[in-house]
Amino acid sequence: MTSLTPRTLRSAARRLAAADPVLGASVERFGPPPLWGRDPSYATLVHLILEQQVSLASAQAAFDRLVVAIDEPTPRGLLTLDDAQLRAIGFSRQKAEYARDLAVALLDGFDLRGSLAEVSSRAQRLVERRKIDTTLRECEYNKSRAAERLGVSYKTLLTRIKDLDLE
């Protein structure tokens, strides 16, 4: 696996710009995207969760509201907030679930050491594992119903169960 550094980011941006004229025009006009350094912490991971599929400004506003609500975002602090409070802050149902699952995992000993990419990958795997396990239990281990509830094909669910050692 190649590490993401300013050099590898510039190289990747050049390759993508060469392959896509619209992206190429953007890179030509604005340069390659910035590489922001982030502290490998629970707060950073929650911020990354909030940034998924929304503008960075919207995610920042939600993160700022979270800081107002609990000061420094910590696993224990986030777990003090109920669904209505998290929705008012700007968490979707799914994002609240991810942040809570991650909080519980950290309180259970999940390790945040390593690169941000490594930590994010481990966190994603853990959250996915818990989501599938919970859904299977809720569906009384009926995999067809669980796949439907999760919005994936039966075959995909079987693959993920095997990959995540849930058998």
C-alpha atoms as a PDB file:
ATOM      1  CA  MET A   1       0.000   0.000   0.000  1.00  0.00           C
ATOM      2  CA  THR A   2       1.285   3.462  -0.928  1.00  0.00           C
ATOM      3  CA  SER A   3       1.266   6.076   1.814  1.00  0.00           C
ATOM      4  CA  LEU A   4      -0.568   9.303   1.143  1.00  0.00           C
ATOM      5  CA  THR A   5       1.991  12.095   1.206  1.00  0.00           C
ATOM      6  CA  PRO A   6       2.059  15.501  -0.493  1.00  0.00           C
ATOM      7  CA  ARG A   7       4.187  13.929  -3.245  1.00  0.00           C
ATOM      8  CA  THR A   8       1.931  10.904  -3.852  1.00  0.00           C
ATOM      9  CA  LEU A   9      -1.164  13.148  -3.745  1.00  0.00           C
ATOM     10  CA  ARG A  10       0.302  15.453  -6.433  1.00  0.00           C
ATOM     11  CA  SER A  11       1.227  12.432  -8.541  1.00  0.00           C
ATOM     12  CA  ALA A  12      -2.255  10.916  -8.218  1.00  0.00           C
ATOM     13  CA  ALA A  13      -3.886  14.274  -9.023  1.00  0.00           C
ATOM     14  CA  ARG A  14      -1.769  14.538 -12.192  1.00  0.00           C
ATOM     15  CA  ARG A  15      -2.748  11.021 -13.309  1.00  0.00           C
ATOM     16  CA  LEU A  16      -6.439  11.627 -12.647  1.00  0.00           C
ATOM     17  CA  ALA A  17      -6.315  15.036 -14.324  1.00  0.00           C
ATOM     18  CA  ALA A  18      -4.780  13.429 -17.427  1.00  0.00           C
ATOM     19  CA  ALA A  19      -7.599  10.862 -17.533  1.00  0.00           C
ATOM     20  CA  ASP A  20     -10.511  13.250 -16.903  1.00  0.00           C
ATOM     21  CA  PRO A  21     -10.727  16.577 -18.782  1.00  0.00           C
ATOM     22  CA  VAL A  22     -13.121  18.149 -16.250  1.00  0.00           C
ATOM     23  CA  LEU A  23     -10.904  17.197 -13.326  1.00  0.00           C
ATOM     24  CA  GLY A  24      -7.880  18.246 -15.389  1.00  0.00           C
ATOM     25  CA  ALA A  25      -9.326  21.733 -15.840  1.00  0.00           C
ATOM     26  CA  SER A  26      -9.989  21.969 -12.103  1.00  0.00           C
ATOM     27  CA  VAL A  27      -6.463  20.858 -11.185  1.00  0.00           C
ATOM     28  CA  GLU A  28      -5.073  23.284 -13.760  1.00  0.00           C
ATOM     29  CA  ARG A  29      -7.097  26.152 -12.313  1.00  0.00           C
ATOM     30  CA  PHE A  30      -6.834  25.398  -8.574  1.00  0.00           C
ATOM     31  CA  GLY A  31      -3.911  23.001  -8.240  1.00  0.00           C
ATOM     32  CA  PRO A  32      -4.029  19.608  -6.548  1.00  0.00           C
ATOM     33  CA  PRO A  33      -6.211  19.247  -3.472  1.00  0.00           C
ATOM     34  CA  PRO A  34      -4.631  20.023  -0.111  1.00  0.00           C
ATOM     35  CA  LEU A  35      -3.479  17.247   2.163  1.00  0.00           C
ATOM     36  CA  TRP A  36      -4.727  18.102   5.617  1.00  0.00           C
ATOM     37  CA  GLY A  37      -2.942  16.549   8.549  1.00  0.00           C
ATOM     38  CA  ARG A  38      -5.283  15.370  11.281  1.00  0.00           C
ATOM     39  CA  ASP A  39      -4.720  14.092  14.762  1.00  0.00           C
ATOM     40  CA  PRO A  40      -5.560  10.368  15.034  1.00  0.00           C
ATOM     41  CA  SER A  41      -8.252  10.802  17.678  1.00  0.00           C
ATOM     42  CA  TYR A  42     -11.893  10.047  18.314  1.00  0.00           C
ATOM     43  CA  ALA A  43     -12.727  13.688  17.556  1.00  0.00           C
ATOM     44  CA  THR A  44     -11.050  13.396  14.136  1.00  0.00           C
ATOM     45  CA  LEU A  45     -12.912  10.199  13.304  1.00  0.00           C
ATOM     46  CA  VAL A  46     -16.232  11.765  14.301  1.00  0.00           C
ATOM     47  CA  HIS A  47     -15.378  14.774  12.141  1.00  0.00           C
ATOM     48  CA  LEU A  48     -14.643  12.424   9.219  1.00  0.00           C
ATOM     49  CA  ILE A  49     -17.967  10.650   9.778  1.00  0.00           C
ATOM     50  CA  LEU A  50     -19.747  14.012   9.685  1.00  0.00           C
ATOM     51  CA  GLU A  51     -17.949  14.947   6.441  1.00  0.00           C
ATOM     52  CA  GLN A  52     -19.325  11.990   4.510  1.00  0.00           C
ATOM     53  CA  GLN A  53     -21.696  13.043   1.701  1.00  0.00           C
ATOM     54  CA  VAL A  54     -22.087  16.666   2.848  1.00  0.00           C
ATOM     55  CA  SER A  55     -20.142  19.857   2.270  1.00  0.00           C
ATOM     56  CA  LEU A  56     -17.105  20.467   4.451  1.00  0.00           C
ATOM     57  CA  ALA A  57     -18.792  23.643   5.721  1.00  0.00           C
ATOM     58  CA  SER A  58     -21.881  21.706   6.807  1.00  0.00           C
ATOM     59  CA  ALA A  59     -19.751  19.060   8.527  1.00  0.00           C
ATOM     60  CA  GLN A  60     -17.711  21.748  10.283  1.00  0.00           C
ATOM     61  CA  ALA A  61     -20.884  23.447  11.530  1.00  0.00           C
ATOM     62  CA  ALA A  62     -22.165  20.144  12.938  1.00  0.00           C
ATOM     63  CA  PHE A  63     -18.782  19.419  14.534  1.00  0.00           C
ATOM     64  CA  ASP A  64     -18.762  22.906  16.081  1.00  0.00           C
ATOM     65  CA  ARG A  65     -22.240  22.258  17.551  1.00  0.00           C
ATOM     66  CA  LEU A  66     -20.942  18.968  18.955  1.00  0.00           C
ATOM     67  CA  VAL A  67     -18.048  20.797  20.631  1.00  0.00           C
ATOM     68  CA  VAL A  68     -20.518  23.271  22.158  1.00  0.00           C
ATOM     69  CA  ALA A  69     -22.638  20.370  23.433  1.00  0.00           C
ATOM     70  CA  ILE A  70     -19.873  18.240  25.001  1.00  0.00           C
ATOM     71  CA  ASP A  71     -16.703  20.346  24.838  1.00  0.00           C
ATOM     72  CA  GLU A  72     -13.936  18.019  23.570  1.00  0.00           C
ATOM     73  CA  PRO A  73     -15.563  15.193  21.570  1.00  0.00           C
ATOM     74  CA  THR A  74     -14.772  12.019  23.479  1.00  0.00           C
ATOM     75  CA  PRO A  75     -16.411   8.602  23.418  1.00  0.00           C
ATOM     76  CA  ARG A  76     -17.946   9.101  26.877  1.00  0.00           C
ATOM     77  CA  GLY A  77     -19.127  12.597  25.999  1.00  0.00           C
ATOM     78  CA  LEU A  78     -20.831  11.513  22.789  1.00  0.00           C
ATOM     79  CA  LEU A  79     -22.563   8.632  24.538  1.00  0.00           C
ATOM     80  CA  THR A  80     -24.251  11.125  26.891  1.00  0.00           C
ATOM     81  CA  LEU A  81     -26.228  12.537  23.939  1.00  0.00           C
ATOM     82  CA  ASP A  82     -29.555  11.023  22.921  1.00  0.00           C
ATOM     83  CA  ASP A  83     -30.912  10.669  19.382  1.00  0.00           C
ATOM     84  CA  ALA A  84     -32.754  14.000  19.448  1.00  0.00           C
ATOM     85  CA  GLN A  85     -29.653  15.859  20.625  1.00  0.00           C
ATOM     86  CA  LEU A  86     -27.480  14.257  17.961  1.00  0.00           C
ATOM     87  CA  ARG A  87     -30.056  15.070  15.265  1.00  0.00           C
ATOM     88  CA  ALA A  88     -30.155  18.698  16.448  1.00  0.00           C
ATOM     89  CA  ILE A  89     -26.362  18.823  16.198  1.00  0.00           C
ATOM     90  CA  GLY A  90     -26.487  17.542  12.605  1.00  0.00           C
ATOM     91  CA  PHE A  91     -25.976  13.778  12.821  1.00  0.00           C
ATOM     92  CA  SER A  92     -28.090  11.590  10.565  1.00  0.00           C
ATOM     93  CA  ARG A  93     -29.395   8.377  12.109  1.00  0.00           C
ATOM     94  CA  GLN A  94     -26.616   6.423  10.381  1.00  0.00           C
ATOM     95  CA  LYS A  95     -23.843   8.843  11.369  1.00  0.00           C
ATOM     96  CA  ALA A  96     -25.015   8.811  14.988  1.00  0.00           C
ATOM     97  CA  GLU A  97     -24.906   5.020  14.926  1.00  0.00           C
ATOM     98  CA  TYR A  98     -21.358   5.012  13.515  1.00  0.00           C
ATOM     99  CA  ALA A  99     -20.126   7.544  16.075  1.00  0.00           C
ATOM    100  CA  ARG A 100     -21.753   5.610  18.922  1.00  0.00           C
ATOM    101  CA  ASP A 101     -20.391   2.260  17.711  1.00  0.00           C
ATOM    102  CA  LEU A 102     -16.930   3.770  17.481  1.00  0.00           C
ATOM    103  CA  ALA A 103     -17.281   5.280  20.976  1.00  0.00           C
ATOM    104  CA  VAL A 104     -18.246   1.912  22.431  1.00  0.00           C
ATOM    105  CA  ALA A 105     -15.381   0.213  20.576  1.00  0.00           C
ATOM    106  CA  LEU A 106     -12.858   2.699  21.944  1.00  0.00           C
ATOM    107  CA  LEU A 107     -14.177   2.288  25.461  1.00  0.00           C
ATOM    108  CA  ASP A 108     -13.818  -1.470  24.901  1.00  0.00           C
ATOM    109  CA  GLY A 109     -10.144  -1.046  23.960  1.00  0.00           C
ATOM    110  CA  PHE A 110     -10.077  -0.326  20.194  1.00  0.00           C
ATOM    111  CA  ASP A 111      -6.587   0.961  19.301  1.00  0.00           C
ATOM    112  CA  LEU A 112      -6.206   4.354  17.581  1.00  0.00           C
ATOM    113  CA  ARG A 113      -2.484   3.909  16.936  1.00  0.00           C
ATOM    114  CA  GLY A 114      -1.205   3.829  13.371  1.00  0.00           C
ATOM    115  CA  SER A 115      -1.792   6.035  10.387  1.00  0.00           C
ATOM    116  CA  LEU A 116      -5.148   7.714   9.939  1.00  0.00           C
ATOM    117  CA  ALA A 117      -5.817   5.417   6.981  1.00  0.00           C
ATOM    118  CA  GLU A 118      -5.086   2.323   9.084  1.00  0.00           C
ATOM    119  CA  VAL A 119      -7.240   3.526  11.966  1.00  0.00           C
ATOM    120  CA  SER A 120     -10.076   4.505   9.620  1.00  0.00           C
ATOM    121  CA  SER A 121      -9.944   1.107   7.962  1.00  0.00           C
ATOM    122  CA  ARG A 122     -10.030  -0.732  11.315  1.00  0.00           C
ATOM    123  CA  ALA A 123     -12.866   1.488  12.518  1.00  0.00           C
ATOM    124  CA  GLN A 124     -14.889   0.934   9.346  1.00  0.00           C
ATOM    125  CA  ARG A 125     -14.406  -2.818   9.653  1.00  0.00           C
ATOM    126  CA  LEU A 126     -15.457  -2.782  13.295  1.00  0.00           C
ATOM    127  CA  VAL A 127     -18.561  -0.678  12.663  1.00  0.00           C
ATOM    128  CA  GLU A 128     -19.559  -2.828   9.691  1.00  0.00           C
ATOM    129  CA  ARG A 129     -19.037  -5.978  11.744  1.00  0.00           C
ATOM    130  CA  ARG A 130     -21.221  -4.684  14.567  1.00  0.00           C
ATOM    131  CA  LYS A 131     -23.909  -3.469  12.167  1.00  0.00           C
ATOM    132  CA  ILE A 132     -24.138  -6.826  10.406  1.00  0.00           C
ATOM    133  CA  ASP A 133     -24.046  -8.748  13.691  1.00  0.00           C
ATOM    134  CA  THR A 134     -26.800  -6.577  15.202  1.00  0.00           C
ATOM    135  CA  THR A 135     -28.949  -6.867  12.076  1.00  0.00           C
ATOM    136  CA  LEU A 136     -28.519 -10.641  11.973  1.00  0.00           C
ATOM    137  CA  ARG A 137     -29.628 -10.896  15.614  1.00  0.00           C
ATOM    138  CA  GLU A 138     -32.615  -8.592  14.978  1.00  0.00           C
ATOM    139  CA  CYS A 139     -33.612 -10.789  12.016  1.00  0.00           C
ATOM    140  CA  GLU A 140     -33.173 -13.948  14.091  1.00  0.00           C
ATOM    141  CA  TYR A 141     -30.261 -14.926  11.820  1.00  0.00           C
ATOM    142  CA  ASN A 142     -32.447 -14.978   8.719  1.00  0.00           C
ATOM    143  CA  LYS A 143     -29.791 -13.864   6.238  1.00  0.00           C
ATOM    144  CA  SER A 144     -32.258 -13.033   3.467  1.00  0.00           C
ATOM    145  CA  ARG A 145     -34.143 -10.625   5.743  1.00  0.00           C
ATOM    146  CA  ALA A 146     -30.877  -9.219   7.096  1.00  0.00           C
ATOM    147  CA  ALA A 147     -29.564  -8.574   3.575  1.00  0.00           C
ATOM    148  CA  GLU A 148     -32.783  -6.801   2.667  1.00  0.00           C
ATOM    149  CA  ARG A 149     -32.679  -4.687   5.834  1.00  0.00           C
ATOM    150  CA  LEU A 150     -29.029  -3.795   5.194  1.00  0.00           C
ATOM    151  CA  GLY A 151     -29.756  -2.924   1.560  1.00  0.00           C
ATOM    152  CA  VAL A 152     -27.269  -5.415   0.119  1.00  0.00           C
ATOM    153  CA  SER A 153     -27.617  -8.569  -1.920  1.00  0.00           C
ATOM    154  CA  TYR A 154     -27.729 -11.929  -0.181  1.00  0.00           C
ATOM    155  CA  LYS A 155     -24.422 -12.866  -1.835  1.00  0.00           C
ATOM    156  CA  THR A 156     -22.770  -9.641  -0.624  1.00  0.00           C
ATOM    157  CA  LEU A 157     -23.969 -10.315   2.922  1.00  0.00           C
ATOM    158  CA  LEU A 158     -22.544 -13.837   2.835  1.00  0.00           C
ATOM    159  CA  THR A 159     -19.219 -12.490   1.585  1.00  0.00           C
ATOM    160  CA  ARG A 160     -19.100  -9.792   4.291  1.00  0.00           C
ATOM    161  CA  ILE A 161     -20.020 -12.343   6.994  1.00  0.00           C
ATOM    162  CA  LYS A 162     -17.088 -14.493   5.893  1.00  0.00           C
ATOM    163  CA  ASP A 163     -14.671 -11.553   5.489  1.00  0.00           C
ATOM    164  CA  LEU A 164     -15.581 -10.181   8.927  1.00  0.00           C
ATOM    165  CA  ASP A 165     -15.323 -13.564  10.669  1.00  0.00           C
ATOM    166  CA  LEU A 166     -18.970 -13.526  11.723  1.00  0.00           C
ATOM    167  CA  GLU A 167     -19.622 -17.187  10.890  1.00  0.00           C
END
